Structure formats: C-alpha cells, structure tokens
Amino acid sequence: MNIIEKEDVDIYAIANPFWRELVKSSNEGNYGSFAKNFSIEMALAMNMVVSNHQFANSELARNLSEDSDPLGIIRRGEHVTVLYRMRSTKKEGEWLGRLVLGYENDTVKIFGATIN
C-alpha cells in the first residue's frame, strides 16, 4: 500500500504518536528513542554523532513544547509530509515541524523530520 492513499484521519493517527515521541525524545536527548522509527535511509543520514551534537547545541531541540497543532498533509510520490505548528518552552515564537512518512518493508517509517 502507498501511504498517500490513506485518508487524512488515518495519516494523523499514525503521525501524531510518532511526532509526540520525537518531541519527547528530543527534549530528553535520547537518541535511541528518537531514532527508533526511522527508515534505514534516515537512520544512516541522522547518526548518533549528528543527533547528539544537535541535542547538546540546540536550545530549541531540548525545549520543545509537547503541544503542537497539525497544519496539514502533503502527498508526493510514496511519502506524506505532515506539518505541525511548534512552540518552545524557553523561546518566544512558533516553528514549523515537518514529519515525512512512508512504507519500508510494509511498515510505516520516518523518512524525514525537521523543525524550522
């Protein structure tokens, strides 16, 4: 099955728990939990050294509010991008969260995740 064929409600049912886990793990600096749902491609690109550097040097990455607002879903190819409005517990303002999901070996995996 291609994930782009799923209804929005079904995509959010998959994406929201993944996103909450990423936020929680990022705040805790817990790479193992942060990366547990990554695709093989994503895990290779975002290795432990890169992640630990991010956790250690980014005030935003360690202080994300666990409250987020879903903004929409973009479908392209074999992936969906779920967008979230994010806030920090320490910094003023809002950020855009992006979660890219698709199938790998019949299991939904994370193919990208950023906060800008």
PDB file of N, CA and C in Angstrom:
ATOM      1  N   MET A   1       0.839  -1.187   0.000  1.00  0.00           N
ATOM      2  CA  MET A   1       0.000   0.000   0.000  1.00  0.00           C
ATOM      3  C   MET A   1       0.880   1.244   0.000  1.00  0.00           C
ATOM      4  N   ASN A   2       0.458   2.264  -0.701  1.00  0.00           N
ATOM      5  CA  ASN A   2       1.143   3.547  -0.702  1.00  0.00           C
ATOM      6  C   ASN A   2       0.469   4.443   0.328  1.00  0.00           C
ATOM      7  N   ILE A   3       1.231   5.062   1.184  1.00  0.00           N
ATOM      8  CA  ILE A   3       0.678   5.862   2.284  1.00  0.00           C
ATOM      9  C   ILE A   3      -0.136   7.051   1.776  1.00  0.00           C
ATOM     10  N   ILE A   4       0.155   7.524   0.572  1.00  0.00           N
ATOM     11  CA  ILE A   4      -0.599   8.680   0.065  1.00  0.00           C
ATOM     12  C   ILE A   4      -2.069   8.330  -0.198  1.00  0.00           C
ATOM     13  N   GLU A   5      -2.388   7.037  -0.256  1.00  0.00           N
ATOM     14  CA  GLU A   5      -3.758   6.598  -0.491  1.00  0.00           C
ATOM     15  C   GLU A   5      -4.608   6.618   0.778  1.00  0.00           C
ATOM     16  N   LYS A   6      -3.982   6.798   1.933  1.00  0.00           N
ATOM     17  CA  LYS A   6      -4.719   6.823   3.202  1.00  0.00           C
ATOM     18  C   LYS A   6      -5.463   8.152   3.368  1.00  0.00           C
ATOM     19  N   GLU A   7      -6.558   8.105   4.097  1.00  0.00           N
ATOM     20  CA  GLU A   7      -7.310   9.313   4.437  1.00  0.00           C
ATOM     21  C   GLU A   7      -6.520  10.128   5.463  1.00  0.00           C
ATOM     22  N   ASP A   8      -6.782  11.435   5.514  1.00  0.00           N
ATOM     23  CA  ASP A   8      -6.077  12.308   6.460  1.00  0.00           C
ATOM     24  C   ASP A   8      -6.186  11.799   7.893  1.00  0.00           C
ATOM     25  N   VAL A   9      -7.375  11.396   8.316  1.00  0.00           N
ATOM     26  CA  VAL A   9      -7.576  10.940   9.691  1.00  0.00           C
ATOM     27  C   VAL A   9      -6.682   9.740  10.008  1.00  0.00           C
ATOM     28  N   ASP A  10      -6.493   8.852   9.032  1.00  0.00           N
ATOM     29  CA  ASP A  10      -5.644   7.680   9.229  1.00  0.00           C
ATOM     30  C   ASP A  10      -4.163   8.060   9.274  1.00  0.00           C
ATOM     31  N   ILE A  11      -3.778   9.043   8.468  1.00  0.00           N
ATOM     32  CA  ILE A  11      -2.391   9.512   8.486  1.00  0.00           C
ATOM     33  C   ILE A  11      -2.083  10.177   9.820  1.00  0.00           C
ATOM     34  N   TYR A  12      -2.986  11.029  10.305  1.00  0.00           N
ATOM     35  CA  TYR A  12      -2.769  11.670  11.610  1.00  0.00           C
ATOM     36  C   TYR A  12      -2.702  10.636  12.735  1.00  0.00           C
ATOM     37  N   ALA A  13      -3.492   9.570  12.620  1.00  0.00           N
ATOM     38  CA  ALA A  13      -3.469   8.518  13.654  1.00  0.00           C
ATOM     39  C   ALA A  13      -2.098   7.837  13.724  1.00  0.00           C
ATOM     40  N   ILE A  14      -1.387   7.807  12.615  1.00  0.00           N
ATOM     41  CA  ILE A  14      -0.034   7.250  12.582  1.00  0.00           C
ATOM     42  C   ILE A  14       0.984   8.325  12.961  1.00  0.00           C
ATOM     43  N   ALA A  15       0.852   9.500  12.367  1.00  0.00           N
ATOM     44  CA  ALA A  15       1.862  10.560  12.512  1.00  0.00           C
ATOM     45  C   ALA A  15       1.918  11.151  13.911  1.00  0.00           C
ATOM     46  N   ASN A  16       0.780  11.404  14.519  1.00  0.00           N
ATOM     47  CA  ASN A  16       0.786  12.109  15.810  1.00  0.00           C
ATOM     48  C   ASN A  16       1.557  11.372  16.906  1.00  0.00           C
ATOM     49  N   PRO A  17       1.383  10.063  17.076  1.00  0.00           N
ATOM     50  CA  PRO A  17       2.207   9.368  18.082  1.00  0.00           C
ATOM     51  C   PRO A  17       3.703   9.397  17.738  1.00  0.00           C
ATOM     52  N   PHE A  18       4.049   9.264  16.450  1.00  0.00           N
ATOM     53  CA  PHE A  18       5.448   9.371  16.041  1.00  0.00           C
ATOM     54  C   PHE A  18       5.992  10.749  16.425  1.00  0.00           C
ATOM     55  N   TRP A  19       5.213  11.797  16.120  1.00  0.00           N
ATOM     56  CA  TRP A  19       5.664  13.161  16.390  1.00  0.00           C
ATOM     57  C   TRP A  19       5.838  13.401  17.884  1.00  0.00           C
ATOM     58  N   ARG A  20       4.875  12.943  18.675  1.00  0.00           N
ATOM     59  CA  ARG A  20       4.990  13.103  20.139  1.00  0.00           C
ATOM     60  C   ARG A  20       6.241  12.420  20.671  1.00  0.00           C
ATOM     61  N   GLU A  21       6.548  11.227  20.161  1.00  0.00           N
ATOM     62  CA  GLU A  21       7.740  10.500  20.596  1.00  0.00           C
ATOM     63  C   GLU A  21       9.016  11.238  20.189  1.00  0.00           C
ATOM     64  N   LEU A  22       9.037  11.808  18.985  1.00  0.00           N
ATOM     65  CA  LEU A  22      10.204  12.575  18.555  1.00  0.00           C
ATOM     66  C   LEU A  22      10.424  13.790  19.453  1.00  0.00           C
ATOM     67  N   VAL A  23       9.352  14.512  19.773  1.00  0.00           N
ATOM     68  CA  VAL A  23       9.459  15.695  20.626  1.00  0.00           C
ATOM     69  C   VAL A  23       9.950  15.300  22.018  1.00  0.00           C
ATOM     70  N   LYS A  24       9.354  14.281  22.598  1.00  0.00           N
ATOM     71  CA  LYS A  24       9.742  13.819  23.936  1.00  0.00           C
ATOM     72  C   LYS A  24      11.205  13.381  23.952  1.00  0.00           C
ATOM     73  N   SER A  25      11.601  12.593  22.977  1.00  0.00           N
ATOM     74  CA  SER A  25      12.974  12.086  22.902  1.00  0.00           C
ATOM     75  C   SER A  25      13.967  13.218  22.658  1.00  0.00           C
ATOM     76  N   SER A  26      13.587  14.181  21.841  1.00  0.00           N
ATOM     77  CA  SER A  26      14.453  15.327  21.593  1.00  0.00           C
ATOM     78  C   SER A  26      14.659  16.125  22.875  1.00  0.00           C
ATOM     79  N   ASN A  27      13.589  16.375  23.597  1.00  0.00           N
ATOM     80  CA  ASN A  27      13.695  17.112  24.867  1.00  0.00           C
ATOM     81  C   ASN A  27      14.592  16.388  25.866  1.00  0.00           C
ATOM     82  N   GLU A  28      14.559  15.067  25.843  1.00  0.00           N
ATOM     83  CA  GLU A  28      15.364  14.263  26.772  1.00  0.00           C
ATOM     84  C   GLU A  28      16.771  13.990  26.257  1.00  0.00           C
ATOM     85  N   GLY A  29      17.017  14.309  24.964  1.00  0.00           N
ATOM     86  CA  GLY A  29      18.312  13.993  24.371  1.00  0.00           C
ATOM     87  C   GLY A  29      18.538  12.501  24.242  1.00  0.00           C
ATOM     88  N   ASN A  30      17.474  11.749  24.042  1.00  0.00           N
ATOM     89  CA  ASN A  30      17.533  10.288  23.996  1.00  0.00           C
ATOM     90  C   ASN A  30      17.547   9.820  22.539  1.00  0.00           C
ATOM     91  N   TYR A  31      18.756   9.621  21.984  1.00  0.00           N
ATOM     92  CA  TYR A  31      18.879   9.253  20.582  1.00  0.00           C
ATOM     93  C   TYR A  31      18.217   7.921  20.255  1.00  0.00           C
ATOM     94  N   GLY A  32      18.367   6.929  21.112  1.00  0.00           N
ATOM     95  CA  GLY A  32      17.789   5.613  20.838  1.00  0.00           C
ATOM     96  C   GLY A  32      16.288   5.679  20.633  1.00  0.00           C
ATOM     97  N   SER A  33      15.604   6.387  21.493  1.00  0.00           N
ATOM     98  CA  SER A  33      14.163   6.548  21.364  1.00  0.00           C
ATOM     99  C   SER A  33      13.820   7.457  20.190  1.00  0.00           C
ATOM    100  N   PHE A  34      14.641   8.486  19.978  1.00  0.00           N
ATOM    101  CA  PHE A  34      14.426   9.441  18.894  1.00  0.00           C
ATOM    102  C   PHE A  34      14.445   8.737  17.539  1.00  0.00           C
ATOM    103  N   ALA A  35      15.349   7.801  17.357  1.00  0.00           N
ATOM    104  CA  ALA A  35      15.570   7.184  16.047  1.00  0.00           C
ATOM    105  C   ALA A  35      14.861   5.850  15.851  1.00  0.00           C
ATOM    106  N   LYS A  36      14.110   5.379  16.827  1.00  0.00           N
ATOM    107  CA  LYS A  36      13.589   4.008  16.750  1.00  0.00           C
ATOM    108  C   LYS A  36      12.616   3.758  15.598  1.00  0.00           C
ATOM    109  N   ASN A  37      11.977   4.795  15.071  1.00  0.00           N
ATOM    110  CA  ASN A  37      11.041   4.609  13.962  1.00  0.00           C
ATOM    111  C   ASN A  37      11.572   5.149  12.635  1.00  0.00           C
ATOM    112  N   PHE A  38      12.866   5.442  12.579  1.00  0.00           N
ATOM    113  CA  PHE A  38      13.471   5.947  11.343  1.00  0.00           C
ATOM    114  C   PHE A  38      13.568   4.843  10.301  1.00  0.00           C
ATOM    115  N   SER A  39      13.430   5.240   9.039  1.00  0.00           N
ATOM    116  CA  SER A  39      13.737   4.332   7.939  1.00  0.00           C
ATOM    117  C   SER A  39      15.242   4.078   7.961  1.00  0.00           C
ATOM    118  N   ILE A  40      15.676   3.054   7.293  1.00  0.00           N
ATOM    119  CA  ILE A  40      17.108   2.765   7.217  1.00  0.00           C
ATOM    120  C   ILE A  40      17.849   3.964   6.629  1.00  0.00           C
ATOM    121  N   GLU A  41      17.306   4.528   5.576  1.00  0.00           N
ATOM    122  CA  GLU A  41      17.901   5.702   4.923  1.00  0.00           C
ATOM    123  C   GLU A  41      18.040   6.870   5.894  1.00  0.00           C
ATOM    124  N   MET A  42      17.000   7.138   6.661  1.00  0.00           N
ATOM    125  CA  MET A  42      17.015   8.241   7.620  1.00  0.00           C
ATOM    126  C   MET A  42      17.998   7.959   8.753  1.00  0.00           C
ATOM    127  N   ALA A  43      18.033   6.737   9.242  1.00  0.00           N
ATOM    128  CA  ALA A  43      18.940   6.381  10.329  1.00  0.00           C
ATOM    129  C   ALA A  43      20.392   6.554   9.908  1.00  0.00           C
ATOM    130  N   LEU A  44      20.710   6.216   8.668  1.00  0.00           N
ATOM    131  CA  LEU A  44      22.076   6.384   8.175  1.00  0.00           C
ATOM    132  C   LEU A  44      22.429   7.863   8.046  1.00  0.00           C
ATOM    133  N   ALA A  45      21.471   8.667   7.598  1.00  0.00           N
ATOM    134  CA  ALA A  45      21.712  10.102   7.425  1.00  0.00           C
ATOM    135  C   ALA A  45      21.801  10.826   8.762  1.00  0.00           C
ATOM    136  N   MET A  46      21.027  10.388   9.746  1.00  0.00           N
ATOM    137  CA  MET A  46      20.961  11.062  11.051  1.00  0.00           C
ATOM    138  C   MET A  46      21.565  10.141  12.092  1.00  0.00           C
ATOM    139  N   ASN A  47      22.868  10.007  12.083  1.00  0.00           N
ATOM    140  CA  ASN A  47      23.520   9.081  13.006  1.00  0.00           C
ATOM    141  C   ASN A  47      23.613   9.656  14.411  1.00  0.00           C
ATOM    142  N   MET A  48      24.096   8.854  15.328  1.00  0.00           N
ATOM    143  CA  MET A  48      24.147   9.235  16.737  1.00  0.00           C
ATOM    144  C   MET A  48      25.030  10.458  16.977  1.00  0.00           C
ATOM    145  N   VAL A  49      26.130  10.584  16.261  1.00  0.00           N
ATOM    146  CA  VAL A  49      27.027  11.723  16.454  1.00  0.00           C
ATOM    147  C   VAL A  49      26.324  13.022  16.085  1.00  0.00           C
ATOM    148  N   VAL A  50      25.655  13.026  14.932  1.00  0.00           N
ATOM    149  CA  VAL A  50      24.932  14.223  14.484  1.00  0.00           C
ATOM    150  C   VAL A  50      23.825  14.567  15.469  1.00  0.00           C
ATOM    151  N   SER A  51      23.068  13.582  15.884  1.00  0.00           N
ATOM    152  CA  SER A  51      21.958  13.824  16.810  1.00  0.00           C
ATOM    153  C   SER A  51      22.435  14.322  18.163  1.00  0.00           C
ATOM    154  N   ASN A  52      23.466  13.695  18.701  1.00  0.00           N
ATOM    155  CA  ASN A  52      23.975  14.132  19.994  1.00  0.00           C
ATOM    156  C   ASN A  52      24.488  15.563  19.927  1.00  0.00           C
ATOM    157  N   HIS A  53      25.109  15.938  18.816  1.00  0.00           N
ATOM    158  CA  HIS A  53      25.563  17.315  18.632  1.00  0.00           C
ATOM    159  C   HIS A  53      24.355  18.260  18.615  1.00  0.00           C
ATOM    160  N   GLN A  54      23.311  17.845  17.909  1.00  0.00           N
ATOM    161  CA  GLN A  54      22.092  18.666  17.847  1.00  0.00           C
ATOM    162  C   GLN A  54      21.484  18.825  19.234  1.00  0.00           C
ATOM    163  N   PHE A  55      21.363  17.718  19.954  1.00  0.00           N
ATOM    164  CA  PHE A  55      20.768  17.777  21.290  1.00  0.00           C
ATOM    165  C   PHE A  55      21.597  18.658  22.226  1.00  0.00           C
ATOM    166  N   ALA A  56      22.904  18.582  22.111  1.00  0.00           N
ATOM    167  CA  ALA A  56      23.777  19.335  23.010  1.00  0.00           C
ATOM    168  C   ALA A  56      23.825  20.818  22.687  1.00  0.00           C
ATOM    169  N   ASN A  57      23.627  21.181  21.418  1.00  0.00           N
ATOM    170  CA  ASN A  57      23.849  22.559  20.995  1.00  0.00           C
ATOM    171  C   ASN A  57      22.599  23.323  20.582  1.00  0.00           C
ATOM    172  N   SER A  58      21.462  22.733  20.650  1.00  0.00           N
ATOM    173  CA  SER A  58      20.246  23.415  20.228  1.00  0.00           C
ATOM    174  C   SER A  58      19.295  23.592  21.401  1.00  0.00           C
ATOM    175  N   GLU A  59      19.153  24.826  21.826  1.00  0.00           N
ATOM    176  CA  GLU A  59      18.204  25.117  22.904  1.00  0.00           C
ATOM    177  C   GLU A  59      16.788  24.734  22.481  1.00  0.00           C
ATOM    178  N   LEU A  60      16.456  24.955  21.211  1.00  0.00           N
ATOM    179  CA  LEU A  60      15.126  24.611  20.718  1.00  0.00           C
ATOM    180  C   LEU A  60      14.885  23.105  20.784  1.00  0.00           C
ATOM    181  N   ALA A  61      15.859  22.312  20.323  1.00  0.00           N
ATOM    182  CA  ALA A  61      15.690  20.853  20.270  1.00  0.00           C
ATOM    183  C   ALA A  61      15.507  20.232  21.646  1.00  0.00           C
ATOM    184  N   ARG A  62      15.946  20.906  22.692  1.00  0.00           N
ATOM    185  CA  ARG A  62      15.829  20.362  24.053  1.00  0.00           C
ATOM    186  C   ARG A  62      14.680  20.986  24.839  1.00  0.00           C
ATOM    187  N   ASN A  63      13.959  21.924  24.226  1.00  0.00           N
ATOM    188  CA  ASN A  63      12.901  22.639  24.946  1.00  0.00           C
ATOM    189  C   ASN A  63      11.651  22.822  24.097  1.00  0.00           C
ATOM    190  N   LEU A  64      11.247  21.769  23.415  1.00  0.00           N
ATOM    191  CA  LEU A  64      10.040  21.832  22.602  1.00  0.00           C
ATOM    192  C   LEU A  64       8.804  21.624  23.470  1.00  0.00           C
ATOM    193  N   SER A  65       7.786  22.404  23.200  1.00  0.00           N
ATOM    194  CA  SER A  65       6.517  22.181  23.880  1.00  0.00           C
ATOM    195  C   SER A  65       5.932  20.887  23.355  1.00  0.00           C
ATOM    196  N   GLU A  66       5.327  20.113  24.223  1.00  0.00           N
ATOM    197  CA  GLU A  66       4.708  18.866  23.778  1.00  0.00           C
ATOM    198  C   GLU A  66       3.358  19.111  23.107  1.00  0.00           C
ATOM    199  N   ASP A  67       2.873  20.346  23.149  1.00  0.00           N
ATOM    200  CA  ASP A  67       1.649  20.723  22.450  1.00  0.00           C
ATOM    201  C   ASP A  67       2.009  21.179  21.043  1.00  0.00           C
ATOM    202  N   SER A  68       1.367  20.600  20.054  1.00  0.00           N
ATOM    203  CA  SER A  68       1.588  21.004  18.666  1.00  0.00           C
ATOM    204  C   SER A  68       0.245  21.059  17.954  1.00  0.00           C
ATOM    205  N   ASP A  69       0.212  21.844  16.890  1.00  0.00           N
ATOM    206  CA  ASP A  69      -1.009  21.973  16.099  1.00  0.00           C
ATOM    207  C   ASP A  69      -0.762  21.411  14.710  1.00  0.00           C
ATOM    208  N   PRO A  70      -1.506  20.378  14.301  1.00  0.00           N
ATOM    209  CA  PRO A  70      -1.362  19.875  12.931  1.00  0.00           C
ATOM    210  C   PRO A  70      -1.827  20.942  11.946  1.00  0.00           C
ATOM    211  N   LEU A  71      -1.031  21.176  10.910  1.00  0.00           N
ATOM    212  CA  LEU A  71      -1.366  22.202   9.919  1.00  0.00           C
ATOM    213  C   LEU A  71      -1.829  21.636   8.591  1.00  0.00           C
ATOM    214  N   GLY A  72      -1.440  20.411   8.292  1.00  0.00           N
ATOM    215  CA  GLY A  72      -1.853  19.846   7.019  1.00  0.00           C
ATOM    216  C   GLY A  72      -0.977  18.680   6.607  1.00  0.00           C
ATOM    217  N   ILE A  73      -1.376  18.077   5.494  1.00  0.00           N
ATOM    218  CA  ILE A  73      -0.668  16.915   4.944  1.00  0.00           C
ATOM    219  C   ILE A  73      -0.410  17.176   3.469  1.00  0.00           C
ATOM    220  N   ILE A  74       0.809  16.887   3.048  1.00  0.00           N
ATOM    221  CA  ILE A  74       1.190  16.995   1.641  1.00  0.00           C
ATOM    222  C   ILE A  74       1.530  15.596   1.159  1.00  0.00           C
ATOM    223  N   ARG A  75       0.959  15.212   0.033  1.00  0.00           N
ATOM    224  CA  ARG A  75       1.202  13.889  -0.537  1.00  0.00           C
ATOM    225  C   ARG A  75       2.082  14.036  -1.775  1.00  0.00           C
ATOM    226  N   ARG A  76       3.140  13.207  -1.843  1.00  0.00           N
ATOM    227  CA  ARG A  76       4.015  13.268  -3.010  1.00  0.00           C
ATOM    228  C   ARG A  76       4.716  11.930  -3.156  1.00  0.00           C
ATOM    229  N   GLY A  77       4.597  11.346  -4.332  1.00  0.00           N
ATOM    230  CA  GLY A  77       5.279  10.079  -4.603  1.00  0.00           C
ATOM    231  C   GLY A  77       4.812   8.992  -3.663  1.00  0.00           C
ATOM    232  N   GLU A  78       5.732   8.446  -2.884  1.00  0.00           N
ATOM    233  CA  GLU A  78       5.418   7.371  -1.943  1.00  0.00           C
ATOM    234  C   GLU A  78       5.476   7.837  -0.496  1.00  0.00           C
ATOM    235  N   HIS A  79       5.445   9.166  -0.277  1.00  0.00           N
ATOM    236  CA  HIS A  79       5.570   9.717   1.072  1.00  0.00           C
ATOM    237  C   HIS A  79       4.502  10.777   1.325  1.00  0.00           C
ATOM    238  N   VAL A  80       4.197  10.954   2.587  1.00  0.00           N
ATOM    239  CA  VAL A  80       3.366  12.084   3.005  1.00  0.00           C
ATOM    240  C   VAL A  80       4.211  12.947   3.941  1.00  0.00           C
ATOM    241  N   THR A  81       3.990  14.237   3.879  1.00  0.00           N
ATOM    242  CA  THR A  81       4.631  15.165   4.797  1.00  0.00           C
ATOM    243  C   THR A  81       3.540  15.751   5.669  1.00  0.00           C
ATOM    244  N   VAL A  82       3.682  15.586   6.967  1.00  0.00           N
ATOM    245  CA  VAL A  82       2.722  16.110   7.930  1.00  0.00           C
ATOM    246  C   VAL A  82       3.372  17.333   8.580  1.00  0.00           C
ATOM    247  N   LEU A  83       2.660  18.454   8.546  1.00  0.00           N
ATOM    248  CA  LEU A  83       3.192  19.706   9.073  1.00  0.00           C
ATOM    249  C   LEU A  83       2.549  20.047  10.407  1.00  0.00           C
ATOM    250  N   TYR A  84       3.371  20.554  11.328  1.00  0.00           N
ATOM    251  CA  TYR A  84       2.909  20.917  12.670  1.00  0.00           C
ATOM    252  C   TYR A  84       3.399  22.318  13.041  1.00  0.00           C
ATOM    253  N   ARG A  85       2.566  23.078  13.742  1.00  0.00           N
ATOM    254  CA  ARG A  85       2.996  24.329  14.374  1.00  0.00           C
ATOM    255  C   ARG A  85       3.573  23.948  15.736  1.00  0.00           C
ATOM    256  N   MET A  86       4.811  24.376  15.970  1.00  0.00           N
ATOM    257  CA  MET A  86       5.516  24.030  17.201  1.00  0.00           C
ATOM    258  C   MET A  86       5.858  25.284  17.994  1.00  0.00           C
ATOM    259  N   ARG A  87       6.008  25.097  19.296  1.00  0.00           N
ATOM    260  CA  ARG A  87       6.427  26.164  20.196  1.00  0.00           C
ATOM    261  C   ARG A  87       7.522  25.620  21.109  1.00  0.00           C
ATOM    262  N   SER A  88       8.236  26.538  21.718  1.00  0.00           N
ATOM    263  CA  SER A  88       9.290  26.187  22.657  1.00  0.00           C
ATOM    264  C   SER A  88       8.838  26.546  24.062  1.00  0.00           C
ATOM    265  N   THR A  89       9.358  25.836  25.037  1.00  0.00           N
ATOM    266  CA  THR A  89       9.070  26.183  26.426  1.00  0.00           C
ATOM    267  C   THR A  89      10.014  27.276  26.915  1.00  0.00           C
ATOM    268  N   LYS A  90      11.029  27.628  26.121  1.00  0.00           N
ATOM    269  CA  LYS A  90      12.029  28.622  26.533  1.00  0.00           C
ATOM    270  C   LYS A  90      12.140  29.821  25.598  1.00  0.00           C
ATOM    271  N   LYS A  91      11.735  29.674  24.334  1.00  0.00           N
ATOM    272  CA  LYS A  91      11.906  30.737  23.348  1.00  0.00           C
ATOM    273  C   LYS A  91      10.547  31.205  22.845  1.00  0.00           C
ATOM    274  N   GLU A  92      10.436  32.504  22.601  1.00  0.00           N
ATOM    275  CA  GLU A  92       9.206  33.074  22.044  1.00  0.00           C
ATOM    276  C   GLU A  92       9.070  32.691  20.577  1.00  0.00           C
ATOM    277  N   GLY A  93       7.840  32.570  20.123  1.00  0.00           N
ATOM    278  CA  GLY A  93       7.586  32.364  18.710  1.00  0.00           C
ATOM    279  C   GLY A  93       7.083  30.969  18.381  1.00  0.00           C
ATOM    280  N   GLU A  94       6.979  30.737  17.087  1.00  0.00           N
ATOM    281  CA  GLU A  94       6.480  29.470  16.570  1.00  0.00           C
ATOM    282  C   GLU A  94       7.447  28.933  15.523  1.00  0.00           C
ATOM    283  N   TRP A  95       7.445  27.613  15.376  1.00  0.00           N
ATOM    284  CA  TRP A  95       8.296  26.936  14.404  1.00  0.00           C
ATOM    285  C   TRP A  95       7.445  25.964  13.601  1.00  0.00           C
ATOM    286  N   LEU A  96       7.954  25.605  12.435  1.00  0.00           N
ATOM    287  CA  LEU A  96       7.290  24.638  11.581  1.00  0.00           C
ATOM    288  C   LEU A  96       7.942  23.278  11.765  1.00  0.00           C
ATOM    289  N   GLY A  97       7.136  22.303  12.176  1.00  0.00           N
ATOM    290  CA  GLY A  97       7.603  20.929  12.283  1.00  0.00           C
ATOM    291  C   GLY A  97       7.192  20.165  11.036  1.00  0.00           C
ATOM    292  N   ARG A  98       8.090  19.304  10.556  1.00  0.00           N
ATOM    293  CA  ARG A  98       7.831  18.544   9.333  1.00  0.00           C
ATOM    294  C   ARG A  98       8.192  17.088   9.589  1.00  0.00           C
ATOM    295  N   LEU A  99       7.232  16.213   9.328  1.00  0.00           N
ATOM    296  CA  LEU A  99       7.418  14.772   9.513  1.00  0.00           C
ATOM    297  C   LEU A  99       7.081  14.075   8.199  1.00  0.00           C
ATOM    298  N   VAL A 100       8.043  13.352   7.636  1.00  0.00           N
ATOM    299  CA  VAL A 100       7.843  12.647   6.367  1.00  0.00           C
ATOM    300  C   VAL A 100       7.714  11.159   6.664  1.00  0.00           C
ATOM    301  N   LEU A 101       6.612  10.571   6.213  1.00  0.00           N
ATOM    302  CA  LEU A 101       6.323   9.161   6.464  1.00  0.00           C
ATOM    303  C   LEU A 101       6.138   8.399   5.160  1.00  0.00           C
ATOM    304  N   GLY A 102       6.506   7.138   5.204  1.00  0.00           N
ATOM    305  CA  GLY A 102       6.287   6.241   4.079  1.00  0.00           C
ATOM    306  C   GLY A 102       6.459   4.808   4.554  1.00  0.00           C
ATOM    307  N   TYR A 103       6.273   3.890   3.638  1.00  0.00           N
ATOM    308  CA  TYR A 103       6.423   2.478   3.982  1.00  0.00           C
ATOM    309  C   TYR A 103       7.827   1.974   3.679  1.00  0.00           C
ATOM    310  N   GLU A 104       8.339   1.149   4.576  1.00  0.00           N
ATOM    311  CA  GLU A 104       9.581   0.414   4.374  1.00  0.00           C
ATOM    312  C   GLU A 104       9.308  -1.005   4.862  1.00  0.00           C
ATOM    313  N   ASN A 105       9.395  -1.965   3.965  1.00  0.00           N
ATOM    314  CA  ASN A 105       9.112  -3.367   4.316  1.00  0.00           C
ATOM    315  C   ASN A 105       7.745  -3.515   4.981  1.00  0.00           C
ATOM    316  N   ASP A 106       6.729  -2.906   4.401  1.00  0.00           N
ATOM    317  CA  ASP A 106       5.340  -2.998   4.855  1.00  0.00           C
ATOM    318  C   ASP A 106       5.083  -2.363   6.220  1.00  0.00           C
ATOM    319  N   THR A 107       6.001  -1.532   6.710  1.00  0.00           N
ATOM    320  CA  THR A 107       5.846  -0.841   7.987  1.00  0.00           C
ATOM    321  C   THR A 107       6.035   0.655   7.766  1.00  0.00           C
ATOM    322  N   VAL A 108       5.191   1.475   8.381  1.00  0.00           N
ATOM    323  CA  VAL A 108       5.351   2.917   8.259  1.00  0.00           C
ATOM    324  C   VAL A 108       6.584   3.344   9.045  1.00  0.00           C
ATOM    325  N   LYS A 109       7.447   4.105   8.387  1.00  0.00           N
ATOM    326  CA  LYS A 109       8.691   4.597   8.976  1.00  0.00           C
ATOM    327  C   LYS A 109       8.826   6.098   8.737  1.00  0.00           C
ATOM    328  N   ILE A 110       9.723   6.716   9.495  1.00  0.00           N
ATOM    329  CA  ILE A 110      10.018   8.137   9.358  1.00  0.00           C
ATOM    330  C   ILE A 110      11.147   8.297   8.343  1.00  0.00           C
ATOM    331  N   PHE A 111      10.883   9.092   7.306  1.00  0.00           N
ATOM    332  CA  PHE A 111      11.876   9.352   6.261  1.00  0.00           C
ATOM    333  C   PHE A 111      12.441  10.760   6.362  1.00  0.00           C
ATOM    334  N   GLY A 112      11.894  11.569   7.251  1.00  0.00           N
ATOM    335  CA  GLY A 112      12.420  12.913   7.461  1.00  0.00           C
ATOM    336  C   GLY A 112      11.707  13.555   8.635  1.00  0.00           C
ATOM    337  N   ALA A 113      12.431  14.391   9.375  1.00  0.00           N
ATOM    338  CA  ALA A 113      11.839  15.113  10.498  1.00  0.00           C
ATOM    339  C   ALA A 113      12.694  16.353  10.754  1.00  0.00           C
ATOM    340  N   THR A 114      12.064  17.521  10.728  1.00  0.00           N
ATOM    341  CA  THR A 114      12.777  18.765  10.978  1.00  0.00           C
ATOM    342  C   THR A 114      11.893  19.755  11.725  1.00  0.00           C
ATOM    343  N   ILE A 115      12.556  20.712  12.339  1.00  0.00           N
ATOM    344  CA  ILE A 115      11.864  21.867  12.910  1.00  0.00           C
ATOM    345  C   ILE A 115      12.615  23.093  12.435  1.00  0.00           C
ATOM    346  N   ASN A 116      11.892  23.987  11.765  1.00  0.00           N
ATOM    347  CA  ASN A 116      12.481  25.218  11.238  1.00  0.00           C
ATOM    348  C   ASN A 116      11.724  26.413  11.758  1.00  0.00           C
TER     349      ASN A 116
END
